[in-house]
Structures are given as structure tokens and as C-alpha cells.
Protein backbone atom coordinates (compact mmCIF):
# COMPACT_ATOMS: atom_id res chain seq x y z
CA UNK A 1 6.24 -15.33 -15.10
CA UNK A 2 4.20 -12.92 -12.91
CA UNK A 3 2.18 -14.49 -10.11
CA UNK A 4 0.41 -13.18 -7.02
CA UNK A 5 0.81 -15.10 -3.84
CA UNK A 6 -0.97 -14.58 -0.64
CA UNK A 7 1.11 -13.64 2.22
CA UNK A 8 0.81 -15.27 5.81
CA UNK A 9 2.84 -15.12 9.08
CA UNK A 10 5.08 -17.58 7.65
CA UNK A 11 6.31 -14.72 5.28
CA UNK A 12 6.66 -12.21 8.14
CA UNK A 13 10.49 -11.61 7.61
CA UNK A 14 10.16 -11.23 3.90
CA UNK A 15 7.32 -8.84 4.31
CA UNK A 16 9.10 -6.73 6.87
CA UNK A 17 12.17 -6.56 4.79
CA UNK A 18 10.43 -5.45 1.52
CA UNK A 19 8.23 -2.90 3.69
CA UNK A 20 11.35 -1.27 5.13
CA UNK A 21 13.34 -1.31 1.90
CA UNK A 22 10.62 -0.01 -0.15
CA UNK A 23 9.54 2.70 2.16
CA UNK A 24 13.16 4.14 2.80
CA UNK A 25 13.89 4.12 -0.87
CA UNK A 26 10.62 6.20 -1.66
CA UNK A 27 10.54 8.43 1.30
CA UNK A 28 14.03 8.25 3.00
CA UNK A 29 15.57 11.43 0.90
CA UNK A 30 12.60 13.64 1.95
CA UNK A 31 12.73 12.92 5.71
CA UNK A 32 15.14 13.10 8.66
CA UNK A 33 16.96 9.92 9.29
CA UNK A 34 15.78 10.15 12.93
CA UNK A 35 12.03 10.41 11.65
CA UNK A 36 12.46 7.68 8.88
CA UNK A 37 14.08 5.31 11.62
CA UNK A 38 11.25 5.92 14.17
CA UNK A 39 8.62 5.41 11.44
CA UNK A 40 10.27 2.09 10.17
CA UNK A 41 10.77 0.82 13.74
CA UNK A 42 7.26 1.34 14.67
CA UNK A 43 5.46 0.55 11.49
CA UNK A 44 7.39 -2.54 10.39
CA UNK A 45 8.01 -4.23 13.76
CA UNK A 46 7.56 -7.83 14.16
CA UNK A 47 4.61 -7.17 16.52
CA UNK A 48 2.85 -4.72 14.25
CA UNK A 49 3.14 -6.61 11.06
CA UNK A 50 1.90 -9.87 12.89
CA UNK A 51 -1.12 -7.94 14.11
CA UNK A 52 -1.80 -6.39 10.58
CA UNK A 53 -1.50 -10.03 8.98
CA UNK A 54 -3.91 -11.52 11.40
CA UNK A 55 -6.33 -8.57 11.12
CA UNK A 56 -9.87 -9.69 9.65
CA UNK A 57 -10.75 -7.97 6.38
CA UNK A 58 -7.12 -7.12 5.60
CA UNK A 59 -5.13 -9.12 3.02
CA UNK A 60 -1.59 -9.02 1.73
CA UNK A 61 -0.22 -10.54 -1.64
CA UNK A 62 3.39 -10.73 -2.89
CA UNK A 63 3.75 -9.97 -6.56
CA UNK A 64 6.54 -12.57 -7.93
CA UNK A 65 8.25 -12.42 -11.27
CA UNK A 66 10.13 -15.54 -12.16
CA UNK A 67 9.96 -16.44 -8.61
CA UNK A 68 11.51 -13.40 -7.18
CA UNK A 69 9.40 -10.90 -4.97
CA UNK A 70 9.12 -7.63 -6.88
CA UNK A 71 6.43 -6.09 -4.67
CA UNK A 72 3.37 -6.52 -2.61
CA UNK A 73 0.00 -5.28 -1.94
CA UNK A 74 -2.32 -4.68 1.02
CA UNK A 75 -6.00 -4.39 0.84
CA UNK A 76 -8.60 -3.47 3.46
CA UNK A 77 -12.23 -3.73 3.64
CA UNK A 78 -14.82 -2.79 6.33
CA UNK A 79 -13.28 -2.00 9.74
CA UNK A 80 -9.78 -2.80 8.64
CA UNK A 81 -9.72 0.26 6.78
CA UNK A 82 -7.58 3.07 8.08
CA UNK A 83 -10.35 5.68 7.37
CA UNK A 84 -13.96 5.20 8.61
CA UNK A 85 -15.43 7.57 5.98
CA UNK A 86 -15.61 4.76 3.35
CA UNK A 87 -17.37 1.82 4.78
CA UNK A 88 -18.64 0.36 1.47
CA UNK A 89 -15.30 0.80 -0.33
CA UNK A 90 -11.95 -1.02 -0.52
CA UNK A 91 -8.86 0.61 0.65
CA UNK A 92 -5.60 -0.01 -1.22
CA UNK A 93 -3.15 0.69 1.90
CA UNK A 94 0.13 -0.41 0.22
CA UNK A 95 1.48 -0.84 -3.22
CA UNK A 96 5.07 -1.36 -2.63
CA UNK A 97 7.35 -2.17 -5.44
CA UNK A 98 11.10 -3.00 -4.75
CA UNK A 99 13.84 -0.55 -5.85
CA UNK A 100 15.01 -1.39 -9.29
CA UNK A 101 11.76 -2.82 -10.43
CA UNK A 102 9.58 0.20 -10.98
CA UNK A 103 8.19 1.24 -14.40
CA UNK A 104 8.01 -2.28 -15.45
CA UNK A 105 4.07 -2.79 -14.96
CA UNK A 106 4.09 -4.32 -11.65
CA UNK A 107 2.10 -1.35 -10.03
CA UNK A 108 -0.40 -1.85 -12.78
CA UNK A 109 -0.53 -5.45 -12.22
CA UNK A 110 -1.26 -4.87 -8.58
CA UNK A 111 -3.82 -2.22 -9.22
CA UNK A 112 -5.67 -4.22 -11.70
CA UNK A 113 -5.81 -7.12 -9.09
CA UNK A 114 -7.13 -4.81 -6.39
CA UNK A 115 -9.95 -3.65 -8.96
CA UNK A 116 -10.74 -7.48 -9.73
CA UNK A 117 -10.69 -8.13 -5.85
CA UNK A 118 -13.18 -5.31 -5.19
CA UNK A 119 -15.45 -6.34 -8.10
CA UNK A 120 -15.36 -9.93 -7.01
CA UNK A 121 -16.66 -8.70 -3.64
CA UNK A 122 -19.34 -6.39 -5.11
CA UNK A 123 -17.56 -3.32 -3.99
CA UNK A 124 -17.97 -0.32 -6.21
CA UNK A 125 -15.19 2.05 -4.98
CA UNK A 126 -11.46 1.79 -4.14
CA UNK A 127 -9.41 4.50 -2.41
CA UNK A 128 -6.03 5.11 -1.15
CA UNK A 129 -3.81 7.69 0.48
CA UNK A 130 -0.70 9.16 -1.29
CA UNK A 131 1.58 11.55 -0.03
CA UNK A 132 1.01 14.99 -1.55
CA UNK A 133 4.67 15.33 -2.79
CA UNK A 134 4.86 11.98 -4.21
CA UNK A 135 4.29 13.19 -7.87
CA UNK A 136 5.28 9.69 -9.49
CA UNK A 137 2.65 7.97 -7.46
CA UNK A 138 -0.01 10.56 -7.97
CA UNK A 139 0.48 10.68 -11.66
CA UNK A 140 0.12 6.67 -11.58
CA UNK A 141 -3.11 6.84 -9.83
CA UNK A 142 -4.55 9.35 -11.61
CA UNK A 143 -3.63 7.26 -15.00
CA UNK A 144 -5.44 4.33 -13.27
CA UNK A 145 -8.56 6.45 -12.83
CA UNK A 146 -8.30 7.79 -9.24
CA UNK A 147 -9.50 11.33 -8.41
CA UNK A 148 -8.41 13.47 -5.31
CA UNK A 149 -11.52 13.51 -2.99
CA UNK A 150 -9.87 14.76 0.29
CA UNK A 151 -6.75 14.46 2.59
CA UNK A 152 -5.65 13.15 5.97
CA UNK A 153 -2.64 13.27 8.27
CA UNK A 154 -0.10 10.86 7.81
CA UNK A 155 2.28 10.89 10.86
CA UNK A 156 5.90 10.16 10.04
CA UNK A 157 8.06 10.06 12.93
CA UNK A 158 7.76 13.56 14.63
CA UNK A 159 6.34 15.15 11.44
CA UNK A 160 2.74 15.40 10.51
CA UNK A 161 2.46 14.82 6.54
CA UNK A 162 -0.47 15.47 4.25
CA UNK A 163 -1.66 12.54 2.31
CA UNK A 164 -4.29 13.04 -0.47
CA UNK A 165 -7.14 10.64 -0.49
CA UNK A 166 -7.81 9.45 -3.97
CA UNK A 167 -11.03 7.28 -5.06
CA UNK A 168 -11.88 5.21 -7.98
CA UNK A 169 -15.40 4.34 -8.89
CA UNK A 170 -15.85 0.84 -10.32
CA UNK A 171 -19.66 1.37 -11.04
């Protein structure tokens, strides 16, 4: 049985573990070990993740299937968004699915939940950033109705990478 569960600071260790595992699984082969380690250590530290969990207008949910965590979602609105260009939209900052659990509909579950959260809040657009070379994710987001509208820099260690910004209108 699939279920979404709100994440709090009580879940910090689990959140850090899944963040590091899923990010390394997805991007490890395309980056140097040094850059990957630097990114993981900075982005998924206890201090940084605690701040993120305590940020107003930012919310995390675990997706569980039969009681086991299979992925998680991070949504931002207002000033919690990583870009200031979309003040009236909702940002899907992370949809992370654990290795071995992809292509089972979990990403769709999380995206559909994101859309419902936006609609419930009266928000008409959702957006996200996706690495320009992450073809499976780009195809998934396009299938879910997102269209490329721009780009921004994603800093991974010493390397500046290009993320595409994709938007979905809910109106």
C-alpha cells in the first residue's frame, strides 16, 4: 500500500541517507568522485538538511510502499523557492526515487501529489529544474506535461552544470 508521510526533523537521518543514495545513484557516473563527494557533503549535511526542514514554505514527504521508504518529495512556494522568477508558482525541488524502485509509478505518484498540493493552494503553475543530460527525467517530466522555459546553473562541486527549467500550467 502506497502512502505519503510528512517528513520532520525526527526523520533527519533517513532523509539524509536517501538523499545521498539517490543523488549518487543518478549522477555519480557523470561526475568526478571529488565533485560528487563535495556536493553530497555540503548539500546533505545535518546542518543544511535541518535548515531545509525548518524553512517556512518548504515541505518534504516520504513515499512509502508497504511501510518501506521508496522515495521522497520536496515542494517549495513563495520565498522558499530556489528561483525568484516564479513567485506565484510552486517549485518541485526534488523527486528522489531509491535505486531499484524506478519505473514502478512512484515518480508519477509524487508528481500527481505535487499537482494536487498546488491546486489545493490555488497555485496555477509548477516548475522544476532538471539536468540537461538527464534524459530519463526530462522524458518523464515532458510526459507529465512540463515544457522547457529556460535554464539556470546548478553547481556540483567545482563544476557549473546547466539545468533546464520546466514549467507545467495547471489552469
